[in-house]
Amino acid sequence: MKFLWSSLLLICLLSCKAQSLYGEKMEDLILIAQDGYSGISEYETSVIKDKKSLNKFYAQINKTRKPGLPVPTVDFSKEMLLVVCLGEIQGQRDPMLSQIEQTDDVLSIAVELSTIKKSTENSQVISYPFYVYKMPLVSKEISFKKIGW
């Protein structure tokens, strides 16, 4: 009986998509936009705390799109955005963000990649995805750490 419960617990933990090996799940983090093409060829993260910076980011990713992707509406007096551009990725993988550490001045966030999702095709598509997350506004510096790439 004990083996059955242990096995069930292990299966639940391993099957959870949001499970992180390196930090705490960020409950207040909401994915508000994503796309398979950012036009950004290298891994890059940023924090956006104003409308001007958000418009600049969307101007960059919409350079080759007609029509462009719509710019999300954000109340920057209460919220801020975390942007993760994965750069060139082969296959379909998603970032998993988790809080590693929080001090009075710094919030450290781990950026892990999910396992490669199985494709029915033999070739893996190359993409340049980006993800935009919304979270409550904090005055701390945000640092990102690439984990397990």
N, C-alpha and C. Protein backbone atom coordinates (compact mmCIF):
# COMPACT_ATOMS: atom_id res chain seq x y z
N MET A 1 0.82 -1.19 0.00
CA MET A 1 0.00 0.00 0.00
C MET A 1 0.87 1.26 0.00
N LYS A 2 1.93 1.24 0.82
CA LYS A 2 2.83 2.39 0.88
C LYS A 2 3.50 2.62 -0.48
N PHE A 3 3.87 1.53 -1.16
CA PHE A 3 4.47 1.63 -2.49
C PHE A 3 3.50 2.27 -3.47
N LEU A 4 2.23 1.92 -3.39
CA LEU A 4 1.21 2.47 -4.29
C LEU A 4 1.08 3.97 -4.10
N TRP A 5 1.02 4.46 -2.85
CA TRP A 5 0.91 5.88 -2.59
C TRP A 5 2.17 6.63 -3.03
N SER A 6 3.31 6.05 -2.78
CA SER A 6 4.57 6.67 -3.21
C SER A 6 4.63 6.78 -4.72
N SER A 7 4.22 5.73 -5.39
CA SER A 7 4.22 5.73 -6.86
C SER A 7 3.25 6.77 -7.40
N LEU A 8 2.07 6.85 -6.81
CA LEU A 8 1.06 7.82 -7.24
C LEU A 8 1.56 9.25 -7.05
N LEU A 9 2.18 9.52 -5.92
CA LEU A 9 2.74 10.84 -5.65
C LEU A 9 3.83 11.19 -6.65
N LEU A 10 4.71 10.27 -6.95
CA LEU A 10 5.79 10.49 -7.90
C LEU A 10 5.23 10.77 -9.29
N ILE A 11 4.22 10.04 -9.71
CA ILE A 11 3.60 10.25 -11.02
C ILE A 11 2.97 11.64 -11.09
N CYS A 12 2.28 12.04 -10.04
CA CYS A 12 1.65 13.36 -10.01
C CYS A 12 2.69 14.48 -10.11
N LEU A 13 3.78 14.34 -9.36
CA LEU A 13 4.82 15.36 -9.39
C LEU A 13 5.50 15.44 -10.75
N LEU A 14 5.76 14.31 -11.37
CA LEU A 14 6.44 14.31 -12.66
C LEU A 14 5.54 14.74 -13.80
N SER A 15 4.24 14.55 -13.66
CA SER A 15 3.33 14.89 -14.75
C SER A 15 2.91 16.35 -14.75
N CYS A 16 3.14 17.05 -13.67
CA CYS A 16 2.73 18.44 -13.57
C CYS A 16 3.61 19.31 -14.46
N LYS A 17 3.00 20.00 -15.44
CA LYS A 17 3.76 20.81 -16.39
C LYS A 17 4.45 21.99 -15.72
N ALA A 18 3.85 22.53 -14.68
CA ALA A 18 4.41 23.71 -14.04
C ALA A 18 5.44 23.35 -12.97
N GLN A 19 5.71 22.10 -12.77
CA GLN A 19 6.65 21.68 -11.73
C GLN A 19 8.07 22.14 -12.07
N SER A 20 8.71 22.76 -11.14
CA SER A 20 10.07 23.23 -11.32
C SER A 20 11.00 22.50 -10.37
N LEU A 21 12.17 22.19 -10.83
CA LEU A 21 13.16 21.54 -9.98
C LEU A 21 13.97 22.54 -9.18
N TYR A 22 13.92 23.82 -9.56
CA TYR A 22 14.86 24.78 -9.00
C TYR A 22 14.24 25.87 -8.13
N GLY A 23 12.94 26.05 -8.13
CA GLY A 23 12.37 27.13 -7.35
C GLY A 23 10.89 26.94 -7.10
N GLU A 24 10.32 27.97 -6.48
CA GLU A 24 8.91 27.96 -6.14
C GLU A 24 8.08 28.43 -7.33
N LYS A 25 6.92 27.81 -7.53
CA LYS A 25 6.01 28.24 -8.58
C LYS A 25 5.55 29.65 -8.27
N MET A 26 5.47 30.48 -9.28
CA MET A 26 5.04 31.86 -9.12
C MET A 26 3.55 31.93 -9.43
N GLU A 27 2.73 31.92 -8.39
CA GLU A 27 1.27 31.85 -8.52
C GLU A 27 0.69 33.07 -9.22
N ASP A 28 1.31 34.25 -9.06
CA ASP A 28 0.76 35.48 -9.61
C ASP A 28 1.28 35.80 -11.01
N LEU A 29 1.96 34.89 -11.65
CA LEU A 29 2.50 35.07 -12.99
C LEU A 29 1.49 34.54 -14.01
N ILE A 30 1.11 35.39 -14.98
CA ILE A 30 0.11 35.01 -15.98
C ILE A 30 0.69 35.21 -17.38
N LEU A 31 0.65 34.16 -18.20
CA LEU A 31 1.08 34.26 -19.59
C LEU A 31 0.01 35.02 -20.36
N ILE A 32 0.36 36.17 -20.96
CA ILE A 32 -0.64 36.96 -21.68
C ILE A 32 -0.41 36.97 -23.19
N ALA A 33 0.79 36.59 -23.63
CA ALA A 33 1.06 36.56 -25.07
C ALA A 33 2.23 35.63 -25.35
N GLN A 34 2.16 34.98 -26.51
CA GLN A 34 3.28 34.16 -26.97
C GLN A 34 3.14 33.96 -28.47
N ASP A 35 4.26 33.69 -29.10
CA ASP A 35 4.25 33.42 -30.53
C ASP A 35 5.53 32.68 -30.88
N GLY A 36 5.50 31.96 -31.97
CA GLY A 36 6.63 31.16 -32.40
C GLY A 36 7.71 31.93 -33.12
N TYR A 37 7.46 33.23 -33.42
CA TYR A 37 8.49 34.00 -34.11
C TYR A 37 8.63 35.39 -33.50
N SER A 38 9.79 35.64 -32.95
CA SER A 38 10.07 36.95 -32.34
C SER A 38 11.01 37.79 -33.21
N GLY A 39 11.77 37.12 -34.10
CA GLY A 39 12.79 37.82 -34.86
C GLY A 39 14.06 38.03 -34.05
N ILE A 40 14.11 37.51 -32.84
CA ILE A 40 15.27 37.66 -31.95
C ILE A 40 16.00 36.32 -31.94
N SER A 41 17.23 36.32 -32.43
CA SER A 41 17.94 35.06 -32.67
C SER A 41 18.68 34.49 -31.45
N GLU A 42 18.86 35.28 -30.38
CA GLU A 42 19.56 34.82 -29.19
C GLU A 42 18.63 34.92 -27.98
N TYR A 43 18.90 34.10 -26.97
CA TYR A 43 18.14 34.13 -25.71
C TYR A 43 18.23 35.53 -25.12
N GLU A 44 17.07 36.04 -24.68
CA GLU A 44 17.02 37.38 -24.13
C GLU A 44 15.83 37.49 -23.17
N THR A 45 16.01 38.15 -22.06
CA THR A 45 14.92 38.40 -21.12
C THR A 45 14.86 39.89 -20.83
N SER A 46 13.68 40.37 -20.47
CA SER A 46 13.57 41.77 -20.08
C SER A 46 12.36 41.97 -19.18
N VAL A 47 12.39 43.08 -18.48
CA VAL A 47 11.29 43.50 -17.62
C VAL A 47 10.75 44.78 -18.22
N ILE A 48 9.44 44.84 -18.42
CA ILE A 48 8.81 46.02 -19.01
C ILE A 48 7.89 46.63 -17.96
N LYS A 49 8.13 47.91 -17.65
CA LYS A 49 7.35 48.59 -16.62
C LYS A 49 6.65 49.84 -17.13
N ASP A 50 6.66 50.05 -18.47
CA ASP A 50 5.97 51.23 -19.02
C ASP A 50 5.50 50.96 -20.45
N LYS A 51 4.53 51.74 -20.87
CA LYS A 51 3.88 51.58 -22.18
C LYS A 51 4.88 51.80 -23.33
N LYS A 52 5.78 52.77 -23.18
CA LYS A 52 6.75 53.08 -24.22
C LYS A 52 7.66 51.87 -24.51
N SER A 53 8.15 51.21 -23.46
CA SER A 53 9.01 50.02 -23.62
C SER A 53 8.23 48.87 -24.25
N LEU A 54 6.96 48.71 -23.86
CA LEU A 54 6.12 47.66 -24.43
C LEU A 54 5.91 47.91 -25.92
N ASN A 55 5.62 49.13 -26.30
CA ASN A 55 5.44 49.46 -27.72
C ASN A 55 6.72 49.24 -28.52
N LYS A 56 7.87 49.55 -27.92
CA LYS A 56 9.16 49.34 -28.58
C LYS A 56 9.40 47.85 -28.82
N PHE A 57 9.09 47.00 -27.82
CA PHE A 57 9.24 45.56 -27.99
C PHE A 57 8.34 45.04 -29.11
N TYR A 58 7.09 45.45 -29.10
CA TYR A 58 6.16 44.98 -30.13
C TYR A 58 6.51 45.53 -31.52
N ALA A 59 7.09 46.73 -31.58
CA ALA A 59 7.55 47.26 -32.87
C ALA A 59 8.64 46.36 -33.44
N GLN A 60 9.51 45.84 -32.57
CA GLN A 60 10.58 44.95 -33.02
C GLN A 60 10.03 43.61 -33.50
N ILE A 61 9.12 43.00 -32.76
CA ILE A 61 8.62 41.69 -33.19
C ILE A 61 7.62 41.78 -34.34
N ASN A 62 7.07 42.98 -34.57
CA ASN A 62 6.12 43.15 -35.66
C ASN A 62 6.75 43.68 -36.95
N LYS A 63 8.09 43.80 -36.98
CA LYS A 63 8.78 44.33 -38.17
C LYS A 63 8.42 43.57 -39.44
N THR A 64 8.32 42.27 -39.36
CA THR A 64 8.08 41.46 -40.56
C THR A 64 6.65 40.94 -40.65
N ARG A 65 5.75 41.47 -39.84
CA ARG A 65 4.36 41.00 -39.84
C ARG A 65 3.45 42.07 -40.42
N LYS A 66 2.55 41.66 -41.26
CA LYS A 66 1.49 42.52 -41.76
C LYS A 66 0.21 41.74 -41.73
N PRO A 67 -0.74 41.95 -40.90
CA PRO A 67 -0.73 42.94 -39.81
C PRO A 67 0.09 42.43 -38.63
N GLY A 68 0.50 43.34 -37.78
CA GLY A 68 1.30 42.96 -36.62
C GLY A 68 0.45 42.40 -35.50
N LEU A 69 1.11 41.80 -34.54
CA LEU A 69 0.42 41.29 -33.36
C LEU A 69 -0.07 42.48 -32.52
N PRO A 70 -1.26 42.37 -31.92
CA PRO A 70 -1.75 43.49 -31.11
C PRO A 70 -0.95 43.63 -29.81
N VAL A 71 -0.75 44.87 -29.41
CA VAL A 71 -0.03 45.17 -28.17
C VAL A 71 -1.01 44.95 -27.01
N PRO A 72 -0.64 44.14 -26.02
CA PRO A 72 -1.55 43.91 -24.88
C PRO A 72 -1.79 45.19 -24.07
N THR A 73 -2.97 45.26 -23.47
CA THR A 73 -3.31 46.36 -22.58
C THR A 73 -2.88 45.99 -21.16
N VAL A 74 -2.08 46.87 -20.56
CA VAL A 74 -1.54 46.59 -19.23
C VAL A 74 -1.67 47.86 -18.37
N ASP A 75 -2.09 47.70 -17.13
CA ASP A 75 -2.13 48.80 -16.17
C ASP A 75 -0.78 48.84 -15.46
N PHE A 76 0.14 49.66 -15.97
CA PHE A 76 1.49 49.69 -15.43
C PHE A 76 1.58 50.34 -14.04
N SER A 77 0.49 50.89 -13.54
CA SER A 77 0.51 51.40 -12.17
C SER A 77 0.39 50.25 -11.16
N LYS A 78 -0.09 49.07 -11.64
CA LYS A 78 -0.27 47.91 -10.76
C LYS A 78 0.48 46.66 -11.24
N GLU A 79 0.85 46.63 -12.52
CA GLU A 79 1.42 45.42 -13.11
C GLU A 79 2.69 45.73 -13.88
N MET A 80 3.46 44.69 -14.11
CA MET A 80 4.64 44.78 -14.96
C MET A 80 4.72 43.51 -15.79
N LEU A 81 5.57 43.51 -16.81
CA LEU A 81 5.68 42.37 -17.71
C LEU A 81 7.09 41.78 -17.66
N LEU A 82 7.14 40.46 -17.76
CA LEU A 82 8.40 39.75 -17.94
C LEU A 82 8.37 39.17 -19.34
N VAL A 83 9.41 39.44 -20.12
CA VAL A 83 9.49 38.95 -21.49
C VAL A 83 10.64 37.97 -21.59
N VAL A 84 10.35 36.80 -22.16
CA VAL A 84 11.37 35.78 -22.38
C VAL A 84 11.38 35.44 -23.86
N CYS A 85 12.49 35.75 -24.52
CA CYS A 85 12.70 35.37 -25.92
C CYS A 85 13.71 34.23 -25.90
N LEU A 86 13.33 33.08 -26.43
CA LEU A 86 14.19 31.90 -26.32
C LEU A 86 15.30 31.86 -27.36
N GLY A 87 15.26 32.71 -28.36
CA GLY A 87 16.25 32.62 -29.43
C GLY A 87 15.91 31.46 -30.33
N GLU A 88 16.90 30.93 -31.03
CA GLU A 88 16.66 29.80 -31.94
C GLU A 88 16.47 28.51 -31.15
N ILE A 89 15.32 27.88 -31.31
CA ILE A 89 14.97 26.64 -30.62
C ILE A 89 14.53 25.61 -31.66
N GLN A 90 15.04 24.41 -31.53
CA GLN A 90 14.61 23.32 -32.41
C GLN A 90 13.59 22.48 -31.66
N GLY A 91 12.44 22.26 -32.26
CA GLY A 91 11.36 21.53 -31.60
C GLY A 91 10.52 22.48 -30.77
N GLN A 92 9.47 21.96 -30.19
CA GLN A 92 8.57 22.79 -29.40
C GLN A 92 8.88 22.63 -27.92
N ARG A 93 9.37 23.72 -27.32
CA ARG A 93 9.69 23.74 -25.89
C ARG A 93 9.16 25.04 -25.31
N ASP A 94 8.69 24.99 -24.09
CA ASP A 94 8.15 26.16 -23.44
C ASP A 94 8.99 26.50 -22.21
N PRO A 95 9.11 27.79 -21.89
CA PRO A 95 9.84 28.15 -20.67
C PRO A 95 8.96 27.92 -19.45
N MET A 96 9.60 27.55 -18.36
CA MET A 96 8.93 27.44 -17.06
C MET A 96 9.65 28.39 -16.13
N LEU A 97 8.95 29.38 -15.61
CA LEU A 97 9.54 30.36 -14.72
C LEU A 97 9.20 30.02 -13.28
N SER A 98 10.18 30.12 -12.41
CA SER A 98 9.97 29.87 -10.99
C SER A 98 10.86 30.81 -10.18
N GLN A 99 10.41 31.13 -8.99
CA GLN A 99 11.16 32.01 -8.11
C GLN A 99 12.24 31.22 -7.39
N ILE A 100 13.49 31.64 -7.56
CA ILE A 100 14.60 30.98 -6.90
C ILE A 100 14.84 31.60 -5.52
N GLU A 101 14.90 32.91 -5.49
CA GLU A 101 15.27 33.62 -4.27
C GLU A 101 14.66 35.01 -4.30
N GLN A 102 14.35 35.51 -3.11
CA GLN A 102 13.85 36.87 -3.00
C GLN A 102 14.48 37.54 -1.79
N THR A 103 15.14 38.67 -2.05
CA THR A 103 15.72 39.46 -0.97
C THR A 103 14.98 40.79 -0.93
N ASP A 104 15.46 41.71 -0.11
CA ASP A 104 14.83 43.04 -0.05
C ASP A 104 14.98 43.80 -1.36
N ASP A 105 16.05 43.49 -2.12
CA ASP A 105 16.36 44.26 -3.32
C ASP A 105 16.18 43.49 -4.62
N VAL A 106 16.26 42.14 -4.59
CA VAL A 106 16.32 41.36 -5.82
C VAL A 106 15.34 40.19 -5.78
N LEU A 107 14.68 39.97 -6.91
CA LEU A 107 13.85 38.78 -7.11
C LEU A 107 14.53 37.96 -8.21
N SER A 108 15.01 36.77 -7.87
CA SER A 108 15.70 35.90 -8.84
C SER A 108 14.71 34.88 -9.39
N ILE A 109 14.68 34.79 -10.72
CA ILE A 109 13.75 33.90 -11.40
C ILE A 109 14.52 32.90 -12.26
N ALA A 110 14.20 31.63 -12.11
CA ALA A 110 14.80 30.57 -12.93
C ALA A 110 13.99 30.46 -14.22
N VAL A 111 14.70 30.31 -15.35
CA VAL A 111 14.06 30.06 -16.64
C VAL A 111 14.53 28.69 -17.10
N GLU A 112 13.63 27.71 -16.99
CA GLU A 112 13.91 26.34 -17.43
C GLU A 112 13.13 26.09 -18.71
N LEU A 113 13.54 25.10 -19.46
CA LEU A 113 12.80 24.70 -20.66
C LEU A 113 12.10 23.38 -20.41
N SER A 114 10.88 23.28 -20.90
CA SER A 114 10.16 22.02 -20.81
C SER A 114 10.86 21.01 -21.72
N THR A 115 10.54 19.73 -21.54
CA THR A 115 11.09 18.72 -22.42
C THR A 115 10.52 18.91 -23.82
N ILE A 116 11.25 18.45 -24.82
CA ILE A 116 10.80 18.59 -26.20
C ILE A 116 9.52 17.80 -26.39
N LYS A 117 8.51 18.49 -26.93
CA LYS A 117 7.24 17.83 -27.19
C LYS A 117 7.38 16.97 -28.42
N LYS A 118 6.83 15.78 -28.36
CA LYS A 118 6.94 14.83 -29.47
C LYS A 118 6.23 15.37 -30.71
N SER A 119 6.86 15.23 -31.83
CA SER A 119 6.30 15.65 -33.11
C SER A 119 6.01 14.42 -33.95
N THR A 120 4.95 14.50 -34.74
CA THR A 120 4.63 13.38 -35.61
C THR A 120 5.52 13.37 -36.84
N GLU A 121 6.16 14.49 -37.09
CA GLU A 121 7.06 14.58 -38.24
C GLU A 121 8.47 14.19 -37.81
N ASN A 122 9.29 13.77 -38.78
CA ASN A 122 10.67 13.40 -38.48
C ASN A 122 11.55 14.62 -38.22
N SER A 123 11.28 15.72 -38.91
CA SER A 123 12.12 16.91 -38.74
C SER A 123 11.55 17.80 -37.64
N GLN A 124 12.43 18.42 -36.90
CA GLN A 124 12.04 19.35 -35.84
C GLN A 124 12.07 20.76 -36.42
N VAL A 125 11.00 21.49 -36.24
CA VAL A 125 10.89 22.85 -36.74
C VAL A 125 11.76 23.77 -35.89
N ILE A 126 12.44 24.72 -36.54
CA ILE A 126 13.22 25.72 -35.83
C ILE A 126 12.34 26.96 -35.68
N SER A 127 12.28 27.48 -34.45
CA SER A 127 11.48 28.68 -34.19
C SER A 127 12.26 29.65 -33.32
N TYR A 128 11.71 30.84 -33.18
CA TYR A 128 12.31 31.90 -32.37
C TYR A 128 11.22 32.46 -31.44
N PRO A 129 10.73 31.65 -30.51
CA PRO A 129 9.55 32.04 -29.73
C PRO A 129 9.81 33.11 -28.67
N PHE A 130 8.71 33.80 -28.34
CA PHE A 130 8.74 34.73 -27.21
C PHE A 130 7.51 34.51 -26.36
N TYR A 131 7.64 34.89 -25.09
CA TYR A 131 6.57 34.73 -24.11
C TYR A 131 6.50 36.01 -23.28
N VAL A 132 5.30 36.53 -23.06
CA VAL A 132 5.10 37.73 -22.26
C VAL A 132 4.22 37.35 -21.07
N TYR A 133 4.76 37.57 -19.86
CA TYR A 133 4.06 37.25 -18.62
C TYR A 133 3.73 38.53 -17.87
N LYS A 134 2.56 38.55 -17.25
CA LYS A 134 2.13 39.68 -16.44
C LYS A 134 2.22 39.28 -14.97
N MET A 135 2.67 40.21 -14.13
CA MET A 135 2.72 39.96 -12.69
C MET A 135 2.52 41.28 -11.96
N PRO A 136 2.19 41.24 -10.68
CA PRO A 136 2.05 42.48 -9.91
C PRO A 136 3.36 43.27 -9.91
N LEU A 137 3.23 44.58 -9.93
CA LEU A 137 4.39 45.47 -9.93
C LEU A 137 5.18 45.33 -8.63
N VAL A 138 6.50 45.16 -8.78
CA VAL A 138 7.41 45.13 -7.64
C VAL A 138 8.53 46.13 -7.89
N SER A 139 9.08 46.69 -6.83
CA SER A 139 10.15 47.67 -7.00
C SER A 139 11.53 47.01 -7.00
N LYS A 140 11.57 45.71 -6.81
CA LYS A 140 12.84 44.99 -6.75
C LYS A 140 13.43 44.82 -8.15
N GLU A 141 14.75 44.66 -8.18
CA GLU A 141 15.42 44.29 -9.42
C GLU A 141 15.08 42.83 -9.72
N ILE A 142 14.81 42.53 -10.98
CA ILE A 142 14.49 41.16 -11.40
C ILE A 142 15.72 40.60 -12.09
N SER A 143 16.18 39.44 -11.63
CA SER A 143 17.31 38.79 -12.31
C SER A 143 16.82 37.41 -12.80
N PHE A 144 17.25 37.07 -14.01
CA PHE A 144 16.87 35.80 -14.62
C PHE A 144 18.08 34.89 -14.66
N LYS A 145 17.86 33.61 -14.38
CA LYS A 145 18.93 32.61 -14.45
C LYS A 145 18.47 31.49 -15.34
N LYS A 146 19.24 31.24 -16.40
CA LYS A 146 18.98 30.14 -17.33
C LYS A 146 19.39 28.84 -16.64
N ILE A 147 18.46 27.90 -16.53
CA ILE A 147 18.73 26.65 -15.81
C ILE A 147 18.50 25.46 -16.74
N GLY A 148 19.52 24.59 -16.84
CA GLY A 148 19.37 23.30 -17.54
C GLY A 148 19.19 23.36 -19.03
N TRP A 149 19.82 24.32 -19.71
CA TRP A 149 19.68 24.40 -21.17
C TRP A 149 20.82 23.62 -21.77
